[in-house]
């Protein structure tokens, strides 16, 4: 009975983790859909080696969403880090993206401590787990907006 309870508890925790991931995916997808309905949302295509997608940005409401397909998995000791690029070339971290093998695309809000209107571009690099203060790894893509 004790062994069955332990197994049941671990299954419940795994289901709760899956449910939390699905809720995040739904919320991120809804944000992208809502942004597409905004009249001032701009869409910028992303085309890299094996990665395609779009960067949606609405500077009026200070919202941005990154939608990517084909982002290859990376080792657990690395992460994809998103950077916003200022007119002077300075990079500001805008979050992390972790691809999931069971989902073909990623929809990820981009967070910025400043107004998005202060930036002229966005890029992504591969960084050590936990991220870096400035880009140090290989560039996955870069776009100007």
N, C-alpha and C. Protein backbone atom coordinates (compact mmCIF):
# COMPACT_ATOMS: atom_id res chain seq x y z
N UNK A 1 0.82 -1.20 0.00
CA UNK A 1 0.00 0.00 0.00
C UNK A 1 0.87 1.26 0.00
N UNK A 2 1.92 1.21 0.80
CA UNK A 2 2.84 2.36 0.86
C UNK A 2 3.51 2.58 -0.50
N UNK A 3 3.95 1.50 -1.14
CA UNK A 3 4.59 1.61 -2.46
C UNK A 3 3.62 2.18 -3.49
N UNK A 4 2.37 1.75 -3.47
CA UNK A 4 1.37 2.29 -4.40
C UNK A 4 1.13 3.77 -4.16
N UNK A 5 1.12 4.19 -2.92
CA UNK A 5 0.95 5.61 -2.60
C UNK A 5 2.12 6.44 -3.13
N UNK A 6 3.34 5.94 -2.98
CA UNK A 6 4.53 6.66 -3.48
C UNK A 6 4.46 6.78 -4.99
N UNK A 7 4.11 5.70 -5.68
CA UNK A 7 3.99 5.73 -7.14
C UNK A 7 2.89 6.69 -7.56
N UNK A 8 1.76 6.64 -6.88
CA UNK A 8 0.65 7.54 -7.21
C UNK A 8 1.05 9.00 -7.00
N UNK A 9 1.73 9.28 -5.92
CA UNK A 9 2.17 10.64 -5.63
C UNK A 9 3.12 11.15 -6.72
N UNK A 10 4.04 10.31 -7.16
CA UNK A 10 4.97 10.74 -8.22
C UNK A 10 4.23 10.97 -9.54
N UNK A 11 3.23 10.16 -9.83
CA UNK A 11 2.44 10.36 -11.05
C UNK A 11 1.63 11.65 -10.97
N UNK A 12 1.08 11.95 -9.82
CA UNK A 12 0.32 13.19 -9.64
C UNK A 12 1.23 14.40 -9.83
N UNK A 13 2.43 14.35 -9.29
CA UNK A 13 3.38 15.47 -9.46
C UNK A 13 3.76 15.65 -10.92
N UNK A 14 3.99 14.54 -11.62
CA UNK A 14 4.33 14.62 -13.05
C UNK A 14 3.17 15.23 -13.83
N UNK A 15 1.96 14.86 -13.51
CA UNK A 15 0.79 15.43 -14.18
C UNK A 15 0.63 16.91 -13.86
N UNK A 16 0.92 17.31 -12.64
CA UNK A 16 0.85 18.72 -12.27
C UNK A 16 1.89 19.53 -13.03
N UNK A 17 3.09 18.99 -13.21
CA UNK A 17 4.12 19.67 -13.99
C UNK A 17 3.68 19.83 -15.44
N UNK A 18 3.11 18.77 -16.02
CA UNK A 18 2.62 18.85 -17.40
C UNK A 18 1.51 19.87 -17.53
N UNK A 19 0.62 19.89 -16.55
CA UNK A 19 -0.48 20.85 -16.57
C UNK A 19 0.04 22.28 -16.51
N UNK A 20 1.04 22.54 -15.69
CA UNK A 20 1.62 23.88 -15.59
C UNK A 20 2.27 24.29 -16.91
N UNK A 21 2.98 23.35 -17.56
CA UNK A 21 3.59 23.65 -18.87
C UNK A 21 2.52 23.95 -19.91
N UNK A 22 1.45 23.18 -19.92
CA UNK A 22 0.38 23.41 -20.88
C UNK A 22 -0.30 24.76 -20.65
N UNK A 23 -0.49 25.14 -19.40
CA UNK A 23 -1.09 26.44 -19.09
C UNK A 23 -0.20 27.58 -19.58
N UNK A 24 1.12 27.45 -19.39
CA UNK A 24 2.05 28.45 -19.90
C UNK A 24 1.96 28.57 -21.42
N UNK A 25 1.91 27.41 -22.09
CA UNK A 25 1.82 27.41 -23.55
C UNK A 25 0.52 28.06 -24.02
N UNK A 26 -0.57 27.78 -23.35
CA UNK A 26 -1.86 28.38 -23.72
C UNK A 26 -1.82 29.89 -23.52
N UNK A 27 -1.29 30.34 -22.39
CA UNK A 27 -1.22 31.78 -22.12
C UNK A 27 -0.32 32.49 -23.13
N UNK A 28 0.82 31.89 -23.46
CA UNK A 28 1.73 32.49 -24.44
C UNK A 28 1.09 32.54 -25.82
N UNK A 29 0.39 31.48 -26.20
CA UNK A 29 -0.31 31.47 -27.48
C UNK A 29 -1.42 32.50 -27.53
N UNK A 30 -2.15 32.65 -26.44
CA UNK A 30 -3.21 33.66 -26.39
C UNK A 30 -2.63 35.06 -26.51
N UNK A 31 -1.48 35.29 -25.87
CA UNK A 31 -0.85 36.61 -25.97
C UNK A 31 -0.48 36.92 -27.42
N UNK A 32 0.05 35.93 -28.12
CA UNK A 32 0.41 36.13 -29.53
C UNK A 32 -0.83 36.42 -30.36
N UNK A 33 -1.92 35.69 -30.13
CA UNK A 33 -3.17 35.93 -30.86
C UNK A 33 -3.72 37.33 -30.59
N UNK A 34 -3.69 37.73 -29.33
CA UNK A 34 -4.18 39.06 -28.99
C UNK A 34 -3.32 40.13 -29.64
N UNK A 35 -2.01 39.93 -29.63
CA UNK A 35 -1.12 40.92 -30.26
C UNK A 35 -1.40 41.06 -31.76
N UNK A 36 -1.75 39.95 -32.41
CA UNK A 36 -2.06 40.03 -33.84
C UNK A 36 -3.30 40.86 -34.11
N UNK A 37 -4.16 41.02 -33.10
CA UNK A 37 -5.36 41.83 -33.29
C UNK A 37 -5.10 43.31 -33.03
N UNK A 38 -3.97 43.66 -32.42
CA UNK A 38 -3.64 45.06 -32.19
C UNK A 38 -3.29 45.72 -33.52
N UNK A 39 -3.80 46.93 -33.78
CA UNK A 39 -3.51 47.58 -35.07
C UNK A 39 -2.05 48.02 -35.22
N UNK A 40 -1.33 48.20 -34.12
CA UNK A 40 0.05 48.70 -34.21
C UNK A 40 1.10 47.60 -34.09
N UNK A 41 0.67 46.35 -34.00
CA UNK A 41 1.63 45.25 -33.89
C UNK A 41 2.37 45.09 -35.21
N UNK A 42 3.69 45.01 -35.10
CA UNK A 42 4.53 44.76 -36.27
C UNK A 42 5.05 43.32 -36.18
N UNK A 43 5.16 42.68 -37.32
CA UNK A 43 5.66 41.32 -37.38
C UNK A 43 6.95 41.30 -38.20
N UNK A 44 7.99 40.70 -37.63
CA UNK A 44 9.27 40.61 -38.30
C UNK A 44 9.63 39.14 -38.48
N UNK A 45 9.89 38.71 -39.71
CA UNK A 45 10.21 37.29 -39.94
C UNK A 45 11.59 36.94 -39.41
N UNK A 46 11.72 35.71 -38.96
CA UNK A 46 13.00 35.18 -38.50
C UNK A 46 13.32 33.99 -39.39
N UNK A 47 14.47 34.04 -40.00
CA UNK A 47 14.93 32.96 -40.86
C UNK A 47 16.40 32.74 -40.56
N UNK A 48 16.71 31.65 -39.88
CA UNK A 48 18.09 31.29 -39.57
C UNK A 48 18.35 29.91 -40.14
N UNK A 49 19.47 29.32 -39.78
CA UNK A 49 19.88 28.03 -40.36
C UNK A 49 18.74 27.01 -40.35
N UNK A 50 18.26 26.60 -39.20
CA UNK A 50 17.15 25.65 -39.12
C UNK A 50 15.96 26.22 -38.38
N UNK A 51 16.03 27.50 -38.04
CA UNK A 51 15.02 28.14 -37.21
C UNK A 51 14.24 29.14 -38.06
N UNK A 52 12.91 29.05 -37.97
CA UNK A 52 12.06 30.04 -38.62
C UNK A 52 11.07 30.54 -37.58
N UNK A 53 10.46 31.67 -37.88
CA UNK A 53 9.46 32.19 -36.95
C UNK A 53 9.17 33.65 -37.19
N UNK A 54 8.64 34.28 -36.15
CA UNK A 54 8.27 35.70 -36.22
C UNK A 54 8.52 36.34 -34.87
N UNK A 55 8.81 37.62 -34.94
CA UNK A 55 8.90 38.43 -33.73
C UNK A 55 7.79 39.47 -33.84
N UNK A 56 6.84 39.41 -32.91
CA UNK A 56 5.73 40.35 -32.88
C UNK A 56 6.04 41.41 -31.83
N UNK A 57 5.90 42.67 -32.22
CA UNK A 57 6.18 43.75 -31.28
C UNK A 57 5.13 44.85 -31.43
N UNK A 58 4.64 45.31 -30.31
CA UNK A 58 3.73 46.45 -30.26
C UNK A 58 4.33 47.45 -29.28
N UNK A 59 5.01 48.45 -29.82
CA UNK A 59 5.70 49.43 -28.99
C UNK A 59 4.73 50.30 -28.20
N UNK A 60 3.52 50.48 -28.74
CA UNK A 60 2.53 51.31 -28.05
C UNK A 60 2.12 50.69 -26.71
N UNK A 61 1.89 49.37 -26.70
CA UNK A 61 1.50 48.67 -25.48
C UNK A 61 2.69 48.01 -24.78
N UNK A 62 3.88 48.17 -25.35
CA UNK A 62 5.11 47.62 -24.80
C UNK A 62 5.03 46.10 -24.63
N UNK A 63 4.54 45.41 -25.67
CA UNK A 63 4.43 43.95 -25.68
C UNK A 63 5.24 43.38 -26.83
N UNK A 64 5.81 42.20 -26.59
CA UNK A 64 6.53 41.50 -27.66
C UNK A 64 6.43 40.00 -27.41
N UNK A 65 6.33 39.25 -28.50
CA UNK A 65 6.27 37.80 -28.44
C UNK A 65 7.18 37.23 -29.52
N UNK A 66 7.91 36.21 -29.15
CA UNK A 66 8.80 35.51 -30.06
C UNK A 66 8.16 34.16 -30.37
N UNK A 67 7.98 33.86 -31.65
CA UNK A 67 7.41 32.59 -32.08
C UNK A 67 8.45 31.89 -32.95
N UNK A 68 8.88 30.71 -32.53
CA UNK A 68 9.95 30.00 -33.23
C UNK A 68 9.57 28.56 -33.51
N UNK A 69 10.04 28.07 -34.64
CA UNK A 69 9.87 26.67 -35.02
C UNK A 69 11.25 26.15 -35.42
N UNK A 70 11.54 24.92 -34.97
CA UNK A 70 12.79 24.28 -35.38
C UNK A 70 13.99 24.62 -34.51
N UNK A 71 13.76 25.20 -33.34
CA UNK A 71 14.88 25.51 -32.44
C UNK A 71 15.44 24.20 -31.89
N UNK A 72 16.70 23.87 -32.23
CA UNK A 72 17.22 22.57 -31.81
C UNK A 72 17.45 22.49 -30.30
N UNK A 73 17.30 21.29 -29.74
CA UNK A 73 17.60 21.12 -28.32
C UNK A 73 19.08 21.37 -28.06
N UNK A 74 19.38 21.83 -26.87
CA UNK A 74 20.78 22.06 -26.46
C UNK A 74 21.00 21.35 -25.12
N UNK A 75 22.25 21.14 -24.75
CA UNK A 75 22.53 20.47 -23.47
C UNK A 75 21.95 21.25 -22.28
N UNK A 76 21.71 20.56 -21.19
CA UNK A 76 21.12 21.17 -20.00
C UNK A 76 22.00 22.26 -19.40
N UNK A 77 23.30 22.24 -19.70
CA UNK A 77 24.19 23.26 -19.15
C UNK A 77 24.24 24.51 -20.02
N UNK A 78 23.33 24.61 -21.00
CA UNK A 78 23.23 25.78 -21.86
C UNK A 78 21.78 26.24 -21.95
N UNK A 79 21.59 27.48 -22.38
CA UNK A 79 20.26 28.03 -22.60
C UNK A 79 20.30 29.00 -23.78
N UNK A 80 19.15 29.18 -24.40
CA UNK A 80 19.01 30.22 -25.41
C UNK A 80 18.65 31.51 -24.67
N UNK A 81 19.40 32.57 -24.91
CA UNK A 81 19.13 33.84 -24.26
C UNK A 81 18.75 34.87 -25.32
N UNK A 82 17.67 35.61 -25.04
CA UNK A 82 17.16 36.64 -25.95
C UNK A 82 17.74 37.98 -25.53
N UNK A 83 18.15 38.77 -26.52
CA UNK A 83 18.76 40.07 -26.27
C UNK A 83 18.02 41.15 -27.05
N UNK A 84 17.73 42.26 -26.40
CA UNK A 84 17.23 43.44 -27.09
C UNK A 84 18.43 44.34 -27.35
N UNK A 85 18.44 44.95 -28.53
CA UNK A 85 19.61 45.72 -28.97
C UNK A 85 19.25 47.20 -29.05
N UNK A 86 20.00 48.01 -28.31
CA UNK A 86 19.80 49.47 -28.29
C UNK A 86 20.46 50.09 -29.52
N UNK A 87 20.10 51.34 -29.87
CA UNK A 87 20.72 51.99 -31.03
C UNK A 87 22.24 52.07 -30.96
N UNK A 88 22.81 52.15 -29.74
CA UNK A 88 24.27 52.22 -29.60
C UNK A 88 24.92 50.83 -29.63
N UNK A 89 24.12 49.76 -29.83
CA UNK A 89 24.64 48.40 -29.91
C UNK A 89 24.64 47.67 -28.59
N UNK A 90 24.31 48.35 -27.50
CA UNK A 90 24.28 47.70 -26.19
C UNK A 90 23.18 46.65 -26.14
N UNK A 91 23.50 45.51 -25.53
CA UNK A 91 22.54 44.40 -25.43
C UNK A 91 21.96 44.33 -24.02
N UNK A 92 20.64 44.10 -23.96
CA UNK A 92 19.92 43.93 -22.70
C UNK A 92 19.22 42.58 -22.74
N UNK A 93 19.43 41.77 -21.70
CA UNK A 93 18.79 40.47 -21.66
C UNK A 93 17.28 40.62 -21.60
N UNK A 94 16.58 39.80 -22.39
CA UNK A 94 15.11 39.84 -22.45
C UNK A 94 14.51 38.48 -22.15
N UNK A 95 15.27 37.63 -21.47
CA UNK A 95 14.74 36.34 -21.07
C UNK A 95 15.43 35.16 -21.73
N UNK A 96 14.89 34.00 -21.44
CA UNK A 96 15.47 32.74 -21.88
C UNK A 96 14.41 31.91 -22.60
N UNK A 97 14.87 31.07 -23.52
CA UNK A 97 13.98 30.16 -24.24
C UNK A 97 14.57 28.76 -24.10
N UNK A 98 13.74 27.84 -23.70
CA UNK A 98 14.15 26.45 -23.59
C UNK A 98 13.26 25.61 -24.49
N UNK A 99 13.81 25.05 -25.58
CA UNK A 99 12.97 24.26 -26.49
C UNK A 99 12.47 22.99 -25.80
N UNK A 100 11.29 22.56 -26.24
CA UNK A 100 10.71 21.33 -25.72
C UNK A 100 10.58 20.35 -26.88
N UNK A 101 11.04 19.14 -26.67
CA UNK A 101 11.09 18.16 -27.76
C UNK A 101 9.71 17.71 -28.21
N UNK A 102 8.70 17.81 -27.35
CA UNK A 102 7.38 17.32 -27.71
C UNK A 102 6.49 18.37 -28.36
N UNK A 103 7.01 19.58 -28.53
CA UNK A 103 6.22 20.67 -29.13
C UNK A 103 7.02 21.24 -30.31
N UNK A 104 6.42 21.33 -31.50
CA UNK A 104 7.19 21.76 -32.67
C UNK A 104 7.52 23.26 -32.72
N UNK A 105 6.81 24.07 -31.92
CA UNK A 105 7.10 25.51 -31.95
C UNK A 105 7.08 26.07 -30.53
N UNK A 106 7.63 27.26 -30.40
CA UNK A 106 7.69 27.96 -29.11
C UNK A 106 7.06 29.32 -29.29
N UNK A 107 6.21 29.70 -28.36
CA UNK A 107 5.65 31.04 -28.29
C UNK A 107 6.05 31.61 -26.95
N UNK A 108 6.92 32.62 -26.95
CA UNK A 108 7.52 33.11 -25.72
C UNK A 108 7.42 34.64 -25.63
N UNK A 109 6.76 35.18 -24.60
CA UNK A 109 6.77 36.63 -24.42
C UNK A 109 8.20 37.12 -24.18
N UNK A 110 8.50 38.30 -24.65
CA UNK A 110 9.81 38.91 -24.46
C UNK A 110 9.64 40.01 -23.43
N UNK A 111 10.43 39.92 -22.36
CA UNK A 111 10.30 40.91 -21.30
C UNK A 111 11.41 41.95 -21.40
N UNK A 112 11.05 43.19 -21.09
CA UNK A 112 12.02 44.28 -21.13
C UNK A 112 11.80 45.19 -19.94
N UNK A 113 12.90 45.57 -19.29
CA UNK A 113 12.81 46.49 -18.16
C UNK A 113 12.54 47.91 -18.65
N UNK A 114 12.86 48.18 -19.91
CA UNK A 114 12.66 49.50 -20.50
C UNK A 114 11.54 49.43 -21.54
N UNK A 115 11.20 50.58 -22.07
CA UNK A 115 10.23 50.63 -23.16
C UNK A 115 10.84 49.96 -24.39
N UNK A 116 10.05 49.16 -25.09
CA UNK A 116 10.55 48.50 -26.30
C UNK A 116 10.91 49.51 -27.38
N UNK A 117 10.34 50.70 -27.33
CA UNK A 117 10.67 51.74 -28.30
C UNK A 117 12.12 52.18 -28.20
N UNK A 118 12.79 51.85 -27.09
CA UNK A 118 14.20 52.21 -26.90
C UNK A 118 15.16 51.27 -27.62
N UNK A 119 14.63 50.25 -28.28
CA UNK A 119 15.48 49.25 -28.92
C UNK A 119 15.25 49.24 -30.43
N UNK A 120 16.26 48.78 -31.16
CA UNK A 120 16.19 48.75 -32.62
C UNK A 120 16.36 47.34 -33.20
N UNK A 121 16.60 46.37 -32.33
CA UNK A 121 16.79 45.02 -32.81
C UNK A 121 16.67 44.01 -31.69
N UNK A 122 16.73 42.73 -32.10
CA UNK A 122 16.62 41.64 -31.15
C UNK A 122 17.42 40.47 -31.70
N UNK A 123 18.02 39.72 -30.79
CA UNK A 123 18.79 38.56 -31.22
C UNK A 123 18.75 37.47 -30.17
N UNK A 124 19.33 36.33 -30.53
CA UNK A 124 19.37 35.20 -29.61
C UNK A 124 20.74 34.54 -29.71
N UNK A 125 21.29 34.19 -28.55
CA UNK A 125 22.57 33.47 -28.50
C UNK A 125 22.42 32.25 -27.60
N UNK A 126 23.39 31.35 -27.72
CA UNK A 126 23.46 30.19 -26.83
C UNK A 126 24.43 30.56 -25.71
N UNK A 127 23.93 30.51 -24.48
CA UNK A 127 24.71 30.92 -23.31
C UNK A 127 24.75 29.79 -22.29
N UNK A 128 25.65 29.90 -21.31
CA UNK A 128 25.66 28.92 -20.23
C UNK A 128 24.34 28.96 -19.46
N UNK A 129 23.96 27.84 -18.85
CA UNK A 129 22.72 27.79 -18.06
C UNK A 129 22.73 28.94 -17.05
N UNK A 130 21.59 29.60 -16.91
CA UNK A 130 21.50 30.76 -16.03
C UNK A 130 21.74 32.07 -16.75
N UNK A 131 22.28 32.00 -17.96
CA UNK A 131 22.47 33.19 -18.77
C UNK A 131 23.77 33.92 -18.50
N UNK A 132 23.97 34.99 -19.27
CA UNK A 132 25.17 35.82 -19.18
C UNK A 132 24.74 37.28 -19.08
N UNK A 133 25.68 38.12 -18.62
CA UNK A 133 25.41 39.55 -18.54
C UNK A 133 25.42 40.20 -19.92
N UNK A 134 26.24 39.66 -20.79
CA UNK A 134 26.35 40.12 -22.18
C UNK A 134 26.49 38.88 -23.06
N UNK A 135 26.16 38.98 -24.35
CA UNK A 135 26.29 37.81 -25.22
C UNK A 135 27.73 37.30 -25.27
N UNK A 136 27.88 36.00 -25.06
CA UNK A 136 29.20 35.38 -25.13
C UNK A 136 29.21 34.18 -26.07
N UNK A 137 28.05 33.61 -26.31
CA UNK A 137 27.96 32.38 -27.11
C UNK A 137 27.66 32.66 -28.57
N UNK A 138 27.47 31.59 -29.31
CA UNK A 138 27.21 31.71 -30.74
C UNK A 138 25.81 32.29 -30.98
N UNK A 139 25.72 33.12 -32.00
CA UNK A 139 24.46 33.78 -32.36
C UNK A 139 23.57 32.82 -33.13
N UNK A 140 22.29 32.76 -32.72
CA UNK A 140 21.32 31.91 -33.41
C UNK A 140 20.66 32.73 -34.52
N UNK A 141 20.27 33.96 -34.23
CA UNK A 141 19.72 34.88 -35.23
C UNK A 141 19.73 36.30 -34.68
N UNK A 142 19.50 37.25 -35.57
CA UNK A 142 19.37 38.66 -35.21
C UNK A 142 18.42 39.30 -36.22
N UNK A 143 17.54 40.18 -35.72
CA UNK A 143 16.67 40.95 -36.58
C UNK A 143 16.70 42.41 -36.17
N UNK A 144 16.43 43.29 -37.10
CA UNK A 144 16.32 44.72 -36.82
C UNK A 144 14.85 45.11 -36.97
N UNK A 145 14.40 46.00 -36.10
CA UNK A 145 13.01 46.49 -36.22
C UNK A 145 12.95 47.99 -36.02
